[in-house]
Amino acid sequence: MSAPAPGPDVREYYERDTAAFLRLGAEGVIHRALWGPGVTTLAEALHFAHAELARRLAGAGRVIDLGCGVGETARSLAARDPQLAVVGVTLSPTQVSMARARGDAGGRCTFEAAAFCALPERLGTFDGACAIEAFAHAADPAAFFRSVGARVRPGGRL
């Protein structure tokens, strides 16, 4: 039995609103700015989550970015750790196109249209996974964890 994916309303939301998010945001970041310790500028706040993820995923090898938007997290992780290869997945074909057009960090980032509650086997396995604000769209949290658990190797990081 396949896991339920987020409904077409989530896909339509991002298809319709991604360009507006990018106009309102900065640097290709769609998620919220996080004003963590030592953060003093908007640019630092927009990339605070990326720095934290890079620290926690250091040396992980192959990572999947669940709900990747236009790929800024994937590119930021790859730029911070030359050992990382990142696959970004999003429901939105528009976001996949934008992410690919924005660049692949020297071939270490790829972007695919897929539902994270039903990740396709063709994506293979990963050493780590991350999801910035995307988990909120998981209609079935158990399906999210089953799907991600099937793609992240034993001992991998989420």
C-alpha atoms as a PDB file:
ATOM      1  CA  MET A   1       0.000   0.000   0.000  1.00  0.00           C
ATOM      2  CA  SER A   2       1.478   3.354  -0.977  1.00  0.00           C
ATOM      3  CA  ALA A   3       1.644   6.213   1.494  1.00  0.00           C
ATOM      4  CA  PRO A   4      -0.613   9.183   0.963  1.00  0.00           C
ATOM      5  CA  ALA A   5       1.154  12.169  -0.533  1.00  0.00           C
ATOM      6  CA  PRO A   6       0.301  15.751   0.317  1.00  0.00           C
ATOM      7  CA  GLY A   7      -2.703  16.788  -1.718  1.00  0.00           C
ATOM      8  CA  PRO A   8      -2.636  18.717  -4.945  1.00  0.00           C
ATOM      9  CA  ASP A   9      -3.466  21.817  -2.923  1.00  0.00           C
ATOM     10  CA  VAL A  10       0.109  21.877  -1.538  1.00  0.00           C
ATOM     11  CA  ARG A  11       1.581  21.472  -5.016  1.00  0.00           C
ATOM     12  CA  GLU A  12      -0.756  24.163  -6.391  1.00  0.00           C
ATOM     13  CA  TYR A  13       0.156  26.489  -3.515  1.00  0.00           C
ATOM     14  CA  TYR A  14       3.852  26.305  -4.413  1.00  0.00           C
ATOM     15  CA  GLU A  15       3.199  26.371  -8.141  1.00  0.00           C
ATOM     16  CA  ARG A  16       1.187  29.566  -7.678  1.00  0.00           C
ATOM     17  CA  ASP A  17       3.199  31.342  -4.968  1.00  0.00           C
ATOM     18  CA  THR A  18       6.892  30.472  -5.335  1.00  0.00           C
ATOM     19  CA  ALA A  19       7.680  33.520  -7.477  1.00  0.00           C
ATOM     20  CA  ALA A  20       6.019  35.766  -4.882  1.00  0.00           C
ATOM     21  CA  PHE A  21       7.969  34.109  -2.054  1.00  0.00           C
ATOM     22  CA  LEU A  22      11.191  34.801  -3.919  1.00  0.00           C
ATOM     23  CA  ARG A  23      10.241  38.452  -4.471  1.00  0.00           C
ATOM     24  CA  LEU A  24       9.460  38.868  -0.767  1.00  0.00           C
ATOM     25  CA  GLY A  25      12.409  36.867   0.495  1.00  0.00           C
ATOM     26  CA  ALA A  26      16.069  37.048  -0.289  1.00  0.00           C
ATOM     27  CA  GLU A  27      18.853  34.955  -1.746  1.00  0.00           C
ATOM     28  CA  GLY A  28      16.526  32.195  -2.977  1.00  0.00           C
ATOM     29  CA  VAL A  29      15.477  31.306   0.573  1.00  0.00           C
ATOM     30  CA  ILE A  30      11.787  30.515   0.980  1.00  0.00           C
ATOM     31  CA  HIS A  31      11.841  29.483   4.652  1.00  0.00           C
ATOM     32  CA  ARG A  32      11.716  31.922   7.546  1.00  0.00           C
ATOM     33  CA  ALA A  33      14.750  33.772   8.817  1.00  0.00           C
ATOM     34  CA  LEU A  34      16.056  32.384  12.116  1.00  0.00           C
ATOM     35  CA  TRP A  35      17.708  34.868  14.446  1.00  0.00           C
ATOM     36  CA  GLY A  36      19.911  32.405  16.335  1.00  0.00           C
ATOM     37  CA  PRO A  37      22.878  33.114  18.600  1.00  0.00           C
ATOM     38  CA  GLY A  38      25.346  35.526  17.027  1.00  0.00           C
ATOM     39  CA  VAL A  39      23.097  36.383  14.077  1.00  0.00           C
ATOM     40  CA  THR A  40      23.115  40.107  13.321  1.00  0.00           C
ATOM     41  CA  THR A  41      22.017  40.444   9.676  1.00  0.00           C
ATOM     42  CA  LEU A  42      19.102  39.225   7.590  1.00  0.00           C
ATOM     43  CA  ALA A  43      21.473  37.245   5.336  1.00  0.00           C
ATOM     44  CA  GLU A  44      22.858  35.421   8.393  1.00  0.00           C
ATOM     45  CA  ALA A  45      19.317  34.780   9.656  1.00  0.00           C
ATOM     46  CA  LEU A  46      18.224  33.373   6.297  1.00  0.00           C
ATOM     47  CA  HIS A  47      21.175  30.976   6.302  1.00  0.00           C
ATOM     48  CA  PHE A  48      21.221  30.129  10.018  1.00  0.00           C
ATOM     49  CA  ALA A  49      19.320  26.870   9.418  1.00  0.00           C
ATOM     50  CA  HIS A  50      21.753  25.980   6.619  1.00  0.00           C
ATOM     51  CA  ALA A  51      24.748  26.480   8.903  1.00  0.00           C
ATOM     52  CA  GLU A  52      23.148  24.319  11.604  1.00  0.00           C
ATOM     53  CA  LEU A  53      22.285  21.582   9.114  1.00  0.00           C
ATOM     54  CA  ALA A  54      25.785  21.649   7.634  1.00  0.00           C
ATOM     55  CA  ARG A  55      27.245  21.250  11.119  1.00  0.00           C
ATOM     56  CA  ARG A  56      24.941  18.331  11.935  1.00  0.00           C
ATOM     57  CA  LEU A  57      25.338  16.634   8.544  1.00  0.00           C
ATOM     58  CA  ALA A  58      29.107  17.210   8.236  1.00  0.00           C
ATOM     59  CA  GLY A  59      30.689  14.400   6.253  1.00  0.00           C
ATOM     60  CA  ALA A  60      27.359  12.634   5.772  1.00  0.00           C
ATOM     61  CA  GLY A  61      28.015  11.943   2.098  1.00  0.00           C
ATOM     62  CA  ARG A  62      24.686  11.746   0.273  1.00  0.00           C
ATOM     63  CA  VAL A  63      21.829  13.859   1.696  1.00  0.00           C
ATOM     64  CA  ILE A  64      18.216  14.380   0.655  1.00  0.00           C
ATOM     65  CA  ASP A  65      16.585  17.790   1.131  1.00  0.00           C
ATOM     66  CA  LEU A  66      12.877  17.111   1.627  1.00  0.00           C
ATOM     67  CA  GLY A  67      10.752  19.984   0.360  1.00  0.00           C
ATOM     68  CA  CYS A  68      13.755  21.673  -1.255  1.00  0.00           C
ATOM     69  CA  GLY A  69      11.989  24.695  -2.711  1.00  0.00           C
ATOM     70  CA  VAL A  70      14.238  26.298  -5.324  1.00  0.00           C
ATOM     71  CA  GLY A  71      17.317  24.498  -4.000  1.00  0.00           C
ATOM     72  CA  GLU A  72      18.991  27.127  -1.817  1.00  0.00           C
ATOM     73  CA  THR A  73      19.418  24.761   1.137  1.00  0.00           C
ATOM     74  CA  ALA A  74      20.900  22.049  -1.083  1.00  0.00           C
ATOM     75  CA  ARG A  75      23.356  24.485  -2.684  1.00  0.00           C
ATOM     76  CA  SER A  76      24.273  25.994   0.682  1.00  0.00           C
ATOM     77  CA  LEU A  77      24.956  22.571   2.191  1.00  0.00           C
ATOM     78  CA  ALA A  78      27.092  21.562  -0.799  1.00  0.00           C
ATOM     79  CA  ALA A  79      29.024  24.852  -0.637  1.00  0.00           C
ATOM     80  CA  ARG A  80      29.721  24.400   3.082  1.00  0.00           C
ATOM     81  CA  ASP A  81      30.818  20.744   2.839  1.00  0.00           C
ATOM     82  CA  PRO A  82      32.587  19.529  -0.309  1.00  0.00           C
ATOM     83  CA  GLN A  83      31.934  15.915   0.763  1.00  0.00           C
ATOM     84  CA  LEU A  84      28.158  16.325   0.461  1.00  0.00           C
ATOM     85  CA  ALA A  85      26.056  15.454  -2.560  1.00  0.00           C
ATOM     86  CA  VAL A  86      22.465  16.649  -2.155  1.00  0.00           C
ATOM     87  CA  VAL A  87      19.259  15.536  -3.841  1.00  0.00           C
ATOM     88  CA  GLY A  88      16.431  18.023  -3.417  1.00  0.00           C
ATOM     89  CA  VAL A  89      12.816  16.912  -3.762  1.00  0.00           C
ATOM     90  CA  THR A  90       9.729  19.077  -4.062  1.00  0.00           C
ATOM     91  CA  LEU A  91       6.160  18.527  -5.215  1.00  0.00           C
ATOM     92  CA  SER A  92       6.412  21.572  -7.470  1.00  0.00           C
ATOM     93  CA  PRO A  93       7.667  21.154 -11.046  1.00  0.00           C
ATOM     94  CA  THR A  94       8.090  24.942 -11.133  1.00  0.00           C
ATOM     95  CA  GLN A  95      10.427  24.787  -8.141  1.00  0.00           C
ATOM     96  CA  VAL A  96      12.390  21.928  -9.726  1.00  0.00           C
ATOM     97  CA  SER A  97      12.886  24.019 -12.878  1.00  0.00           C
ATOM     98  CA  MET A  98      13.932  27.059 -10.853  1.00  0.00           C
ATOM     99  CA  ALA A  99      16.303  24.999  -8.689  1.00  0.00           C
ATOM    100  CA  ARG A 100      17.968  23.468 -11.742  1.00  0.00           C
ATOM    101  CA  ALA A 101      18.289  26.877 -13.412  1.00  0.00           C
ATOM    102  CA  ARG A 102      19.902  28.356 -10.273  1.00  0.00           C
ATOM    103  CA  GLY A 103      22.734  25.803 -10.437  1.00  0.00           C
ATOM    104  CA  ASP A 104      23.894  22.464  -9.150  1.00  0.00           C
ATOM    105  CA  ALA A 105      26.959  23.351  -7.026  1.00  0.00           C
ATOM    106  CA  GLY A 106      29.440  21.821  -9.421  1.00  0.00           C
ATOM    107  CA  GLY A 107      27.353  18.729 -10.068  1.00  0.00           C
ATOM    108  CA  ARG A 108      26.786  17.910  -6.398  1.00  0.00           C
ATOM    109  CA  CYS A 109      23.092  18.904  -6.308  1.00  0.00           C
ATOM    110  CA  THR A 110      20.219  17.389  -8.236  1.00  0.00           C
ATOM    111  CA  PHE A 111      16.547  18.259  -8.031  1.00  0.00           C
ATOM    112  CA  GLU A 112      13.532  16.006  -8.536  1.00  0.00           C
ATOM    113  CA  ALA A 113       9.749  16.283  -8.385  1.00  0.00           C
ATOM    114  CA  ALA A 114       8.611  13.803  -5.730  1.00  0.00           C
ATOM    115  CA  ALA A 115       6.413  13.562  -2.641  1.00  0.00           C
ATOM    116  CA  PHE A 116       8.442  13.035   0.514  1.00  0.00           C
ATOM    117  CA  CYS A 117       5.730  10.813   2.001  1.00  0.00           C
ATOM    118  CA  ALA A 118       6.212   8.426  -0.931  1.00  0.00           C
ATOM    119  CA  LEU A 119       9.843   8.807  -2.025  1.00  0.00           C
ATOM    120  CA  PRO A 120      10.565   6.747  -5.143  1.00  0.00           C
ATOM    121  CA  GLU A 121      13.034   3.873  -4.827  1.00  0.00           C
ATOM    122  CA  ARG A 122      14.883   5.201  -7.897  1.00  0.00           C
ATOM    123  CA  LEU A 123      16.326   7.932  -5.661  1.00  0.00           C
ATOM    124  CA  GLY A 124      18.381   5.294  -3.856  1.00  0.00           C
ATOM    125  CA  THR A 125      19.559   5.603  -0.266  1.00  0.00           C
ATOM    126  CA  PHE A 126      20.995   8.498   1.677  1.00  0.00           C
ATOM    127  CA  ASP A 127      23.328   9.093   4.606  1.00  0.00           C
ATOM    128  CA  GLY A 128      21.225  11.967   5.859  1.00  0.00           C
ATOM    129  CA  ALA A 129      17.989  13.863   5.327  1.00  0.00           C
ATOM    130  CA  CYS A 130      16.710  17.320   6.193  1.00  0.00           C
ATOM    131  CA  ALA A 131      13.425  19.203   5.925  1.00  0.00           C
ATOM    132  CA  ILE A 132      13.216  22.912   6.733  1.00  0.00           C
ATOM    133  CA  GLU A 133       9.577  23.823   7.459  1.00  0.00           C
ATOM    134  CA  ALA A 134       8.395  21.192   4.957  1.00  0.00           C
ATOM    135  CA  PHE A 135       7.298  18.587   7.506  1.00  0.00           C
ATOM    136  CA  ALA A 136       4.287  20.805   8.256  1.00  0.00           C
ATOM    137  CA  HIS A 137       2.885  19.690   4.883  1.00  0.00           C
ATOM    138  CA  ALA A 138       2.990  15.988   5.795  1.00  0.00           C
ATOM    139  CA  ALA A 139      -0.675  14.982   5.899  1.00  0.00           C
ATOM    140  CA  ASP A 140       0.401  11.716   7.536  1.00  0.00           C
ATOM    141  CA  PRO A 141       3.499  12.099   9.759  1.00  0.00           C
ATOM    142  CA  ALA A 142       3.861   8.317  10.083  1.00  0.00           C
ATOM    143  CA  ALA A 143       4.000   8.037   6.265  1.00  0.00           C
ATOM    144  CA  PHE A 144       6.692  10.733   6.207  1.00  0.00           C
ATOM    145  CA  PHE A 145       8.874   8.806   8.662  1.00  0.00           C
ATOM    146  CA  ARG A 146       8.260   5.454   6.923  1.00  0.00           C
ATOM    147  CA  SER A 147       9.166   6.962   3.554  1.00  0.00           C
ATOM    148  CA  VAL A 148      12.266   8.767   4.802  1.00  0.00           C
ATOM    149  CA  GLY A 149      13.257   5.769   6.917  1.00  0.00           C
ATOM    150  CA  ALA A 150      13.205   3.579   3.817  1.00  0.00           C
ATOM    151  CA  ARG A 151      15.567   5.974   1.999  1.00  0.00           C
ATOM    152  CA  VAL A 152      18.011   6.821   4.818  1.00  0.00           C
ATOM    153  CA  ARG A 153      20.521   4.108   5.601  1.00  0.00           C
ATOM    154  CA  PRO A 154      20.643   2.603   9.104  1.00  0.00           C
ATOM    155  CA  GLY A 155      22.639   4.962  11.303  1.00  0.00           C
ATOM    156  CA  GLY A 156      21.935   7.900   8.970  1.00  0.00           C
ATOM    157  CA  ARG A 157      20.844  11.310  10.201  1.00  0.00           C
ATOM    158  CA  LEU A 158      17.495  13.115   9.952  1.00  0.00           C
END
